[in-house]
Amino acid sequence: VPVDWEALAGAPGTLVVLMGVRQLRR
């Protein structure tokens, strides 16, 4: 399922990303 990064950008609080090293910059 695709991740809605734009929606997450507006989410308050803490964002924890797992398994994201290879796509870190993107």
mmCIF file of all heavy atoms, coordinates in Angstrom:
data_MODEL
# 
_entry.id   MODEL 
# 
loop_
_atom_site.group_PDB 
_atom_site.id 
_atom_site.type_symbol 
_atom_site.label_atom_id 
_atom_site.label_alt_id 
_atom_site.label_comp_id 
_atom_site.label_asym_id 
_atom_site.label_entity_id 
_atom_site.label_seq_id 
_atom_site.pdbx_PDB_ins_code 
_atom_site.Cartn_x 
_atom_site.Cartn_y 
_atom_site.Cartn_z 
_atom_site.occupancy 
_atom_site.B_iso_or_equiv 
_atom_site.pdbx_formal_charge 
_atom_site.auth_seq_id 
_atom_site.auth_comp_id 
_atom_site.auth_asym_id 
_atom_site.auth_atom_id 
_atom_site.pdbx_PDB_model_num 
ATOM 1   N N   . VAL A 1 1  ? 0.846  -1.190 0.000  1.00 0.00 ? 1  VAL A N   1 
ATOM 2   C CA  . VAL A 1 1  ? 0.000  0.000  0.000  1.00 0.00 ? 1  VAL A CA  1 
ATOM 3   C C   . VAL A 1 1  ? 0.882  1.240  0.000  1.00 0.00 ? 1  VAL A C   1 
ATOM 4   O O   . VAL A 1 1  ? 1.825  1.334  0.788  1.00 0.00 ? 1  VAL A O   1 
ATOM 5   C CB  . VAL A 1 1  ? -0.922 -0.011 1.235  1.00 0.00 ? 1  VAL A CB  1 
ATOM 6   C CG1 . VAL A 1 1  ? -1.778 1.248  1.270  1.00 0.00 ? 1  VAL A CG1 1 
ATOM 7   C CG2 . VAL A 1 1  ? -1.794 -1.276 1.219  1.00 0.00 ? 1  VAL A CG2 1 
ATOM 8   N N   . PRO A 1 2  ? 0.629  2.212  -0.845 1.00 0.00 ? 2  PRO A N   1 
ATOM 9   C CA  . PRO A 1 2  ? 1.477  3.410  -0.884 1.00 0.00 ? 2  PRO A CA  1 
ATOM 10  C C   . PRO A 1 2  ? 1.370  4.230  0.397  1.00 0.00 ? 2  PRO A C   1 
ATOM 11  O O   . PRO A 1 2  ? 0.340  4.236  1.072  1.00 0.00 ? 2  PRO A O   1 
ATOM 12  C CB  . PRO A 1 2  ? 0.940  4.190  -2.089 1.00 0.00 ? 2  PRO A CB  1 
ATOM 13  C CG  . PRO A 1 2  ? -0.439 3.681  -2.303 1.00 0.00 ? 2  PRO A CG  1 
ATOM 14  C CD  . PRO A 1 2  ? -0.439 2.248  -1.859 1.00 0.00 ? 2  PRO A CD  1 
ATOM 15  N N   . VAL A 1 3  ? 2.480  4.893  0.747  1.00 0.00 ? 3  VAL A N   1 
ATOM 16  C CA  . VAL A 1 3  ? 2.525  5.759  1.920  1.00 0.00 ? 3  VAL A CA  1 
ATOM 17  C C   . VAL A 1 3  ? 2.246  7.189  1.468  1.00 0.00 ? 3  VAL A C   1 
ATOM 18  O O   . VAL A 1 3  ? 2.871  7.693  0.533  1.00 0.00 ? 3  VAL A O   1 
ATOM 19  C CB  . VAL A 1 3  ? 3.910  5.679  2.602  1.00 0.00 ? 3  VAL A CB  1 
ATOM 20  C CG1 . VAL A 1 3  ? 4.002  6.685  3.752  1.00 0.00 ? 3  VAL A CG1 1 
ATOM 21  C CG2 . VAL A 1 3  ? 4.171  4.261  3.099  1.00 0.00 ? 3  VAL A CG2 1 
ATOM 22  N N   . ASP A 1 4  ? 1.319  7.840  2.150  1.00 0.00 ? 4  ASP A N   1 
ATOM 23  C CA  . ASP A 1 4  ? 0.976  9.228  1.825  1.00 0.00 ? 4  ASP A CA  1 
ATOM 24  C C   . ASP A 1 4  ? 1.895  10.155 2.623  1.00 0.00 ? 4  ASP A C   1 
ATOM 25  O O   . ASP A 1 4  ? 1.547  10.636 3.711  1.00 0.00 ? 4  ASP A O   1 
ATOM 26  C CB  . ASP A 1 4  ? -0.496 9.487  2.162  1.00 0.00 ? 4  ASP A CB  1 
ATOM 27  C CG  . ASP A 1 4  ? -0.988 10.828 1.619  1.00 0.00 ? 4  ASP A CG  1 
ATOM 28  O OD1 . ASP A 1 4  ? -0.143 11.681 1.293  1.00 0.00 ? 4  ASP A OD1 1 
ATOM 29  O OD2 . ASP A 1 4  ? -2.220 11.009 1.549  1.00 0.00 ? 4  ASP A OD2 1 
ATOM 30  N N   . TRP A 1 5  ? 3.096  10.379 2.110  1.00 0.00 ? 5  TRP A N   1 
ATOM 31  C CA  . TRP A 1 5  ? 4.084  11.188 2.816  1.00 0.00 ? 5  TRP A CA  1 
ATOM 32  C C   . TRP A 1 5  ? 3.619  12.628 2.999  1.00 0.00 ? 5  TRP A C   1 
ATOM 33  O O   . TRP A 1 5  ? 3.917  13.262 4.018  1.00 0.00 ? 5  TRP A O   1 
ATOM 34  C CB  . TRP A 1 5  ? 5.417  11.147 2.083  1.00 0.00 ? 5  TRP A CB  1 
ATOM 35  C CG  . TRP A 1 5  ? 6.052  9.788  2.088  1.00 0.00 ? 5  TRP A CG  1 
ATOM 36  C CD1 . TRP A 1 5  ? 6.043  8.870  1.076  1.00 0.00 ? 5  TRP A CD1 1 
ATOM 37  C CD2 . TRP A 1 5  ? 6.724  9.169  3.181  1.00 0.00 ? 5  TRP A CD2 1 
ATOM 38  N NE1 . TRP A 1 5  ? 6.679  7.721  1.464  1.00 0.00 ? 5  TRP A NE1 1 
ATOM 39  C CE2 . TRP A 1 5  ? 7.118  7.879  2.757  1.00 0.00 ? 5  TRP A CE2 1 
ATOM 40  C CE3 . TRP A 1 5  ? 7.049  9.571  4.474  1.00 0.00 ? 5  TRP A CE3 1 
ATOM 41  C CZ2 . TRP A 1 5  ? 7.812  6.991  3.574  1.00 0.00 ? 5  TRP A CZ2 1 
ATOM 42  C CZ3 . TRP A 1 5  ? 7.745  8.692  5.287  1.00 0.00 ? 5  TRP A CZ3 1 
ATOM 43  C CH2 . TRP A 1 5  ? 8.128  7.427  4.844  1.00 0.00 ? 5  TRP A CH2 1 
ATOM 44  N N   . GLU A 1 6  ? 2.879  13.141 1.998  1.00 0.00 ? 6  GLU A N   1 
ATOM 45  C CA  . GLU A 1 6  ? 2.397  14.528 2.117  1.00 0.00 ? 6  GLU A CA  1 
ATOM 46  C C   . GLU A 1 6  ? 1.422  14.665 3.294  1.00 0.00 ? 6  GLU A C   1 
ATOM 47  O O   . GLU A 1 6  ? 1.478  15.642 4.047  1.00 0.00 ? 6  GLU A O   1 
ATOM 48  C CB  . GLU A 1 6  ? 1.719  14.956 0.807  1.00 0.00 ? 6  GLU A CB  1 
ATOM 49  C CG  . GLU A 1 6  ? 2.675  15.218 -0.343 1.00 0.00 ? 6  GLU A CG  1 
ATOM 50  C CD  . GLU A 1 6  ? 3.280  13.934 -0.926 1.00 0.00 ? 6  GLU A CD  1 
ATOM 51  O OE1 . GLU A 1 6  ? 2.729  12.833 -0.651 1.00 0.00 ? 6  GLU A OE1 1 
ATOM 52  O OE2 . GLU A 1 6  ? 4.301  14.019 -1.631 1.00 0.00 ? 6  GLU A OE2 1 
ATOM 53  N N   . ALA A 1 7  ? 0.572  13.653 3.486  1.00 0.00 ? 7  ALA A N   1 
ATOM 54  C CA  . ALA A 1 7  ? -0.358 13.697 4.616  1.00 0.00 ? 7  ALA A CA  1 
ATOM 55  C C   . ALA A 1 7  ? 0.396  13.551 5.932  1.00 0.00 ? 7  ALA A C   1 
ATOM 56  O O   . ALA A 1 7  ? 0.082  14.217 6.926  1.00 0.00 ? 7  ALA A O   1 
ATOM 57  C CB  . ALA A 1 7  ? -1.406 12.597 4.469  1.00 0.00 ? 7  ALA A CB  1 
ATOM 58  N N   . LEU A 1 8  ? 1.414  12.708 5.936  1.00 0.00 ? 8  LEU A N   1 
ATOM 59  C CA  . LEU A 1 8  ? 2.205  12.517 7.154  1.00 0.00 ? 8  LEU A CA  1 
ATOM 60  C C   . LEU A 1 8  ? 2.955  13.786 7.529  1.00 0.00 ? 8  LEU A C   1 
ATOM 61  O O   . LEU A 1 8  ? 3.237  14.023 8.708  1.00 0.00 ? 8  LEU A O   1 
ATOM 62  C CB  . LEU A 1 8  ? 3.197  11.366 6.958  1.00 0.00 ? 8  LEU A CB  1 
ATOM 63  C CG  . LEU A 1 8  ? 2.605  9.956  6.903  1.00 0.00 ? 8  LEU A CG  1 
ATOM 64  C CD1 . LEU A 1 8  ? 3.676  8.945  6.513  1.00 0.00 ? 8  LEU A CD1 1 
ATOM 65  C CD2 . LEU A 1 8  ? 2.004  9.587  8.247  1.00 0.00 ? 8  LEU A CD2 1 
ATOM 66  N N   . ALA A 1 9  ? 3.289  14.585 6.534  1.00 0.00 ? 9  ALA A N   1 
ATOM 67  C CA  . ALA A 1 9  ? 4.026  15.825 6.806  1.00 0.00 ? 9  ALA A CA  1 
ATOM 68  C C   . ALA A 1 9  ? 3.239  16.747 7.726  1.00 0.00 ? 9  ALA A C   1 
ATOM 69  O O   . ALA A 1 9  ? 3.826  17.502 8.516  1.00 0.00 ? 9  ALA A O   1 
ATOM 70  C CB  . ALA A 1 9  ? 4.352  16.539 5.497  1.00 0.00 ? 9  ALA A CB  1 
ATOM 71  N N   . GLY A 1 10 ? 1.914  16.674 7.648  1.00 0.00 ? 10 GLY A N   1 
ATOM 72  C CA  . GLY A 1 10 ? 1.103  17.546 8.483  1.00 0.00 ? 10 GLY A CA  1 
ATOM 73  C C   . GLY A 1 10 ? 0.662  16.922 9.796  1.00 0.00 ? 10 GLY A C   1 
ATOM 74  O O   . GLY A 1 10 ? -0.006 17.580 10.603 1.00 0.00 ? 10 GLY A O   1 
ATOM 75  N N   . ALA A 1 11 ? 1.048  15.664 10.027 1.00 0.00 ? 11 ALA A N   1 
ATOM 76  C CA  . ALA A 1 11 ? 0.629  14.985 11.253 1.00 0.00 ? 11 ALA A CA  1 
ATOM 77  C C   . ALA A 1 11 ? 1.406  15.541 12.440 1.00 0.00 ? 11 ALA A C   1 
ATOM 78  O O   . ALA A 1 11 ? 2.629  15.693 12.378 1.00 0.00 ? 11 ALA A O   1 
ATOM 79  C CB  . ALA A 1 11 ? 0.850  13.486 11.132 1.00 0.00 ? 11 ALA A CB  1 
ATOM 80  N N   . PRO A 1 12 ? 0.728  15.823 13.540 1.00 0.00 ? 12 PRO A N   1 
ATOM 81  C CA  . PRO A 1 12 ? 1.434  16.333 14.721 1.00 0.00 ? 12 PRO A CA  1 
ATOM 82  C C   . PRO A 1 12 ? 2.181  15.206 15.434 1.00 0.00 ? 12 PRO A C   1 
ATOM 83  O O   . PRO A 1 12 ? 1.988  14.025 15.157 1.00 0.00 ? 12 PRO A O   1 
ATOM 84  C CB  . PRO A 1 12 ? 0.300  16.882 15.591 1.00 0.00 ? 12 PRO A CB  1 
ATOM 85  C CG  . PRO A 1 12 ? -0.883 16.046 15.217 1.00 0.00 ? 12 PRO A CG  1 
ATOM 86  C CD  . PRO A 1 12 ? -0.731 15.732 13.765 1.00 0.00 ? 12 PRO A CD  1 
ATOM 87  N N   . GLY A 1 13 ? 3.034  15.592 16.376 1.00 0.00 ? 13 GLY A N   1 
ATOM 88  C CA  . GLY A 1 13 ? 3.716  14.608 17.214 1.00 0.00 ? 13 GLY A CA  1 
ATOM 89  C C   . GLY A 1 13 ? 4.948  14.007 16.547 1.00 0.00 ? 13 GLY A C   1 
ATOM 90  O O   . GLY A 1 13 ? 5.617  14.645 15.730 1.00 0.00 ? 13 GLY A O   1 
ATOM 91  N N   . THR A 1 14 ? 5.208  12.759 16.871 1.00 0.00 ? 14 THR A N   1 
ATOM 92  C CA  . THR A 1 14 ? 6.431  12.080 16.441 1.00 0.00 ? 14 THR A CA  1 
ATOM 93  C C   . THR A 1 14 ? 6.141  11.145 15.279 1.00 0.00 ? 14 THR A C   1 
ATOM 94  O O   . THR A 1 14 ? 5.119  10.454 15.261 1.00 0.00 ? 14 THR A O   1 
ATOM 95  C CB  . THR A 1 14 ? 7.015  11.247 17.609 1.00 0.00 ? 14 THR A CB  1 
ATOM 96  O OG1 . THR A 1 14 ? 7.202  12.090 18.731 1.00 0.00 ? 14 THR A OG1 1 
ATOM 97  C CG2 . THR A 1 14 ? 8.347  10.623 17.217 1.00 0.00 ? 14 THR A CG2 1 
ATOM 98  N N   . LEU A 1 15 ? 7.049  11.126 14.319 1.00 0.00 ? 15 LEU A N   1 
ATOM 99  C CA  . LEU A 1 15 ? 6.964  10.211 13.189 1.00 0.00 ? 15 LEU A CA  1 
ATOM 100 C C   . LEU A 1 15 ? 8.124  9.220  13.294 1.00 0.00 ? 15 LEU A C   1 
ATOM 101 O O   . LEU A 1 15 ? 9.290  9.618  13.380 1.00 0.00 ? 15 LEU A O   1 
ATOM 102 C CB  . LEU A 1 15 ? 7.037  10.969 11.864 1.00 0.00 ? 15 LEU A CB  1 
ATOM 103 C CG  . LEU A 1 15 ? 6.974  10.125 10.579 1.00 0.00 ? 15 LEU A CG  1 
ATOM 104 C CD1 . LEU A 1 15 ? 5.639  9.380  10.501 1.00 0.00 ? 15 LEU A CD1 1 
ATOM 105 C CD2 . LEU A 1 15 ? 7.182  11.004 9.351  1.00 0.00 ? 15 LEU A CD2 1 
ATOM 106 N N   . VAL A 1 16 ? 7.802  7.918  13.311 1.00 0.00 ? 16 VAL A N   1 
ATOM 107 C CA  . VAL A 1 16 ? 8.823  6.870  13.390 1.00 0.00 ? 16 VAL A CA  1 
ATOM 108 C C   . VAL A 1 16 ? 8.760  6.063  12.103 1.00 0.00 ? 16 VAL A C   1 
ATOM 109 O O   . VAL A 1 16 ? 7.708  5.515  11.762 1.00 0.00 ? 16 VAL A O   1 
ATOM 110 C CB  . VAL A 1 16 ? 8.603  5.948  14.606 1.00 0.00 ? 16 VAL A CB  1 
ATOM 111 C CG1 . VAL A 1 16 ? 9.660  4.844  14.630 1.00 0.00 ? 16 VAL A CG1 1 
ATOM 112 C CG2 . VAL A 1 16 ? 8.650  6.758  15.899 1.00 0.00 ? 16 VAL A CG2 1 
ATOM 113 N N   . VAL A 1 17 ? 9.884  6.017  11.392 1.00 0.00 ? 17 VAL A N   1 
ATOM 114 C CA  . VAL A 1 17 ? 9.950  5.323  10.104 1.00 0.00 ? 17 VAL A CA  1 
ATOM 115 C C   . VAL A 1 17 ? 10.833 4.087  10.247 1.00 0.00 ? 17 VAL A C   1 
ATOM 116 O O   . VAL A 1 17 ? 12.013 4.194  10.592 1.00 0.00 ? 17 VAL A O   1 
ATOM 117 C CB  . VAL A 1 17 ? 10.507 6.239  9.005  1.00 0.00 ? 17 VAL A CB  1 
ATOM 118 C CG1 . VAL A 1 17 ? 10.461 5.530  7.651  1.00 0.00 ? 17 VAL A CG1 1 
ATOM 119 C CG2 . VAL A 1 17 ? 9.737  7.558  8.945  1.00 0.00 ? 17 VAL A CG2 1 
ATOM 120 N N   . LEU A 1 18 ? 10.257 2.921  9.986  1.00 0.00 ? 18 LEU A N   1 
ATOM 121 C CA  . LEU A 1 18 ? 11.014 1.675  10.028 1.00 0.00 ? 18 LEU A CA  1 
ATOM 122 C C   . LEU A 1 18 ? 11.407 1.264  8.611  1.00 0.00 ? 18 LEU A C   1 
ATOM 123 O O   . LEU A 1 18 ? 10.685 1.536  7.655  1.00 0.00 ? 18 LEU A O   1 
ATOM 124 C CB  . LEU A 1 18 ? 10.190 0.554  10.673 1.00 0.00 ? 18 LEU A CB  1 
ATOM 125 C CG  . LEU A 1 18 ? 10.034 0.601  12.202 1.00 0.00 ? 18 LEU A CG  1 
ATOM 126 C CD1 . LEU A 1 18 ? 9.079  1.698  12.640 1.00 0.00 ? 18 LEU A CD1 1 
ATOM 127 C CD2 . LEU A 1 18 ? 9.532  -0.744 12.716 1.00 0.00 ? 18 LEU A CD2 1 
ATOM 128 N N   . MET A 1 19 ? 12.541 0.613  8.482  1.00 0.00 ? 19 MET A N   1 
ATOM 129 C CA  . MET A 1 19 ? 13.015 0.081  7.198  1.00 0.00 ? 19 MET A CA  1 
ATOM 130 C C   . MET A 1 19 ? 13.110 1.181  6.138  1.00 0.00 ? 19 MET A C   1 
ATOM 131 O O   . MET A 1 19 ? 12.716 0.987  4.993  1.00 0.00 ? 19 MET A O   1 
ATOM 132 C CB  . MET A 1 19 ? 12.091 -1.038 6.708  1.00 0.00 ? 19 MET A CB  1 
ATOM 133 C CG  . MET A 1 19 ? 11.951 -2.186 7.696  1.00 0.00 ? 19 MET A CG  1 
ATOM 134 S SD  . MET A 1 19 ? 10.819 -3.472 7.138  1.00 0.00 ? 19 MET A SD  1 
ATOM 135 C CE  . MET A 1 19 ? 9.264  -2.569 7.103  1.00 0.00 ? 19 MET A CE  1 
ATOM 136 N N   . GLY A 1 20 ? 13.654 2.328  6.520  1.00 0.00 ? 20 GLY A N   1 
ATOM 137 C CA  . GLY A 1 20 ? 13.671 3.439  5.584  1.00 0.00 ? 20 GLY A CA  1 
ATOM 138 C C   . GLY A 1 20 ? 15.043 3.946  5.197  1.00 0.00 ? 20 GLY A C   1 
ATOM 139 O O   . GLY A 1 20 ? 15.154 5.048  4.640  1.00 0.00 ? 20 GLY A O   1 
ATOM 140 N N   . VAL A 1 21 ? 16.102 3.194  5.434  1.00 0.00 ? 21 VAL A N   1 
ATOM 141 C CA  . VAL A 1 21 ? 17.449 3.704  5.160  1.00 0.00 ? 21 VAL A CA  1 
ATOM 142 C C   . VAL A 1 21 ? 17.684 3.887  3.669  1.00 0.00 ? 21 VAL A C   1 
ATOM 143 O O   . VAL A 1 21 ? 18.202 4.922  3.225  1.00 0.00 ? 21 VAL A O   1 
ATOM 144 C CB  . VAL A 1 21 ? 18.518 2.765  5.761  1.00 0.00 ? 21 VAL A CB  1 
ATOM 145 C CG1 . VAL A 1 21 ? 19.920 3.229  5.370  1.00 0.00 ? 21 VAL A CG1 1 
ATOM 146 C CG2 . VAL A 1 21 ? 18.389 2.724  7.277  1.00 0.00 ? 21 VAL A CG2 1 
ATOM 147 N N   . ARG A 1 22 ? 17.298 2.888  2.854  1.00 0.00 ? 22 ARG A N   1 
ATOM 148 C CA  . ARG A 1 22 ? 17.588 2.968  1.426  1.00 0.00 ? 22 ARG A CA  1 
ATOM 149 C C   . ARG A 1 22 ? 16.804 4.079  0.729  1.00 0.00 ? 22 ARG A C   1 
ATOM 150 O O   . ARG A 1 22 ? 17.237 4.603  -0.292 1.00 0.00 ? 22 ARG A O   1 
ATOM 151 C CB  . ARG A 1 22 ? 17.294 1.613  0.760  1.00 0.00 ? 22 ARG A CB  1 
ATOM 152 C CG  . ARG A 1 22 ? 18.271 0.518  1.188  1.00 0.00 ? 22 ARG A CG  1 
ATOM 153 C CD  . ARG A 1 22 ? 18.100 -0.750 0.343  1.00 0.00 ? 22 ARG A CD  1 
ATOM 154 N NE  . ARG A 1 22 ? 19.081 -1.758 0.745  1.00 0.00 ? 22 ARG A NE  1 
ATOM 155 C CZ  . ARG A 1 22 ? 18.886 -2.647 1.692  1.00 0.00 ? 22 ARG A CZ  1 
ATOM 156 N NH1 . ARG A 1 22 ? 17.733 -2.664 2.352  1.00 0.00 ? 22 ARG A NH1 1 
ATOM 157 N NH2 . ARG A 1 22 ? 19.822 -3.523 2.006  1.00 0.00 ? 22 ARG A NH2 1 
ATOM 158 N N   . GLN A 1 23 ? 15.660 4.430  1.281  1.00 0.00 ? 23 GLN A N   1 
ATOM 159 C CA  . GLN A 1 23 ? 14.847 5.493  0.693  1.00 0.00 ? 23 GLN A CA  1 
ATOM 160 C C   . GLN A 1 23 ? 14.838 6.744  1.582  1.00 0.00 ? 23 GLN A C   1 
ATOM 161 O O   . GLN A 1 23 ? 13.928 7.561  1.498  1.00 0.00 ? 23 GLN A O   1 
ATOM 162 C CB  . GLN A 1 23 ? 13.410 4.988  0.505  1.00 0.00 ? 23 GLN A CB  1 
ATOM 163 C CG  . GLN A 1 23 ? 13.281 3.793  -0.413 1.00 0.00 ? 23 GLN A CG  1 
ATOM 164 C CD  . GLN A 1 23 ? 13.739 4.111  -1.831 1.00 0.00 ? 23 GLN A CD  1 
ATOM 165 O OE1 . GLN A 1 23 ? 13.535 5.224  -2.325 1.00 0.00 ? 23 GLN A OE1 1 
ATOM 166 N NE2 . GLN A 1 23 ? 14.363 3.141  -2.493 1.00 0.00 ? 23 GLN A NE2 1 
ATOM 167 N N   . LEU A 1 24 ? 15.882 6.866  2.422  1.00 0.00 ? 24 LEU A N   1 
ATOM 168 C CA  . LEU A 1 24 ? 15.893 7.939  3.414  1.00 0.00 ? 24 LEU A CA  1 
ATOM 169 C C   . LEU A 1 24 ? 15.796 9.313  2.765  1.00 0.00 ? 24 LEU A C   1 
ATOM 170 O O   . LEU A 1 24 ? 14.936 10.138 3.130  1.00 0.00 ? 24 LEU A O   1 
ATOM 171 C CB  . LEU A 1 24 ? 17.169 7.842  4.258  1.00 0.00 ? 24 LEU A CB  1 
ATOM 172 C CG  . LEU A 1 24 ? 17.383 8.941  5.298  1.00 0.00 ? 24 LEU A CG  1 
ATOM 173 C CD1 . LEU A 1 24 ? 16.249 8.939  6.324  1.00 0.00 ? 24 LEU A CD1 1 
ATOM 174 C CD2 . LEU A 1 24 ? 18.725 8.758  6.004  1.00 0.00 ? 24 LEU A CD2 1 
ATOM 175 N N   . ARG A 1 25 ? 16.666 9.603  1.810  1.00 0.00 ? 25 ARG A N   1 
ATOM 176 C CA  . ARG A 1 25 ? 16.664 10.935 1.192  1.00 0.00 ? 25 ARG A CA  1 
ATOM 177 C C   . ARG A 1 25 ? 15.335 11.208 0.500  1.00 0.00 ? 25 ARG A C   1 
ATOM 178 O O   . ARG A 1 25 ? 14.756 12.300 0.647  1.00 0.00 ? 25 ARG A O   1 
ATOM 179 C CB  . ARG A 1 25 ? 17.821 11.045 0.203  1.00 0.00 ? 25 ARG A CB  1 
ATOM 180 C CG  . ARG A 1 25 ? 18.010 12.459 -0.377 1.00 0.00 ? 25 ARG A CG  1 
ATOM 181 C CD  . ARG A 1 25 ? 19.216 12.515 -1.280 1.00 0.00 ? 25 ARG A CD  1 
ATOM 182 N NE  . ARG A 1 25 ? 20.437 12.226 -0.554 1.00 0.00 ? 25 ARG A NE  1 
ATOM 183 C CZ  . ARG A 1 25 ? 21.114 13.117 0.163  1.00 0.00 ? 25 ARG A CZ  1 
ATOM 184 N NH1 . ARG A 1 25 ? 20.656 14.363 0.273  1.00 0.00 ? 25 ARG A NH1 1 
ATOM 185 N NH2 . ARG A 1 25 ? 22.223 12.771 0.766  1.00 0.00 ? 25 ARG A NH2 1 
ATOM 186 N N   . ARG A 1 26 ? 14.848 10.232 -0.244 1.00 0.00 ? 26 ARG A N   1 
ATOM 187 C CA  . ARG A 1 26 ? 13.582 10.399 -0.968 1.00 0.00 ? 26 ARG A CA  1 
ATOM 188 C C   . ARG A 1 26 ? 12.430 10.670 -0.004 1.00 0.00 ? 26 ARG A C   1 
ATOM 189 O O   . ARG A 1 26 ? 11.605 11.574 -0.233 1.00 0.00 ? 26 ARG A O   1 
ATOM 190 C CB  . ARG A 1 26 ? 13.323 9.134  -1.786 1.00 0.00 ? 26 ARG A CB  1 
ATOM 191 C CG  . ARG A 1 26 ? 11.933 8.995  -2.354 1.00 0.00 ? 26 ARG A CG  1 
ATOM 192 C CD  . ARG A 1 26 ? 11.788 7.608  -3.010 1.00 0.00 ? 26 ARG A CD  1 
ATOM 193 N NE  . ARG A 1 26 ? 10.440 7.348  -3.415 1.00 0.00 ? 26 ARG A NE  1 
ATOM 194 C CZ  . ARG A 1 26 ? 9.484  6.883  -2.634 1.00 0.00 ? 26 ARG A CZ  1 
ATOM 195 N NH1 . ARG A 1 26 ? 9.759  6.658  -1.357 1.00 0.00 ? 26 ARG A NH1 1 
ATOM 196 N NH2 . ARG A 1 26 ? 8.270  6.648  -3.093 1.00 0.00 ? 26 ARG A NH2 1 
# 
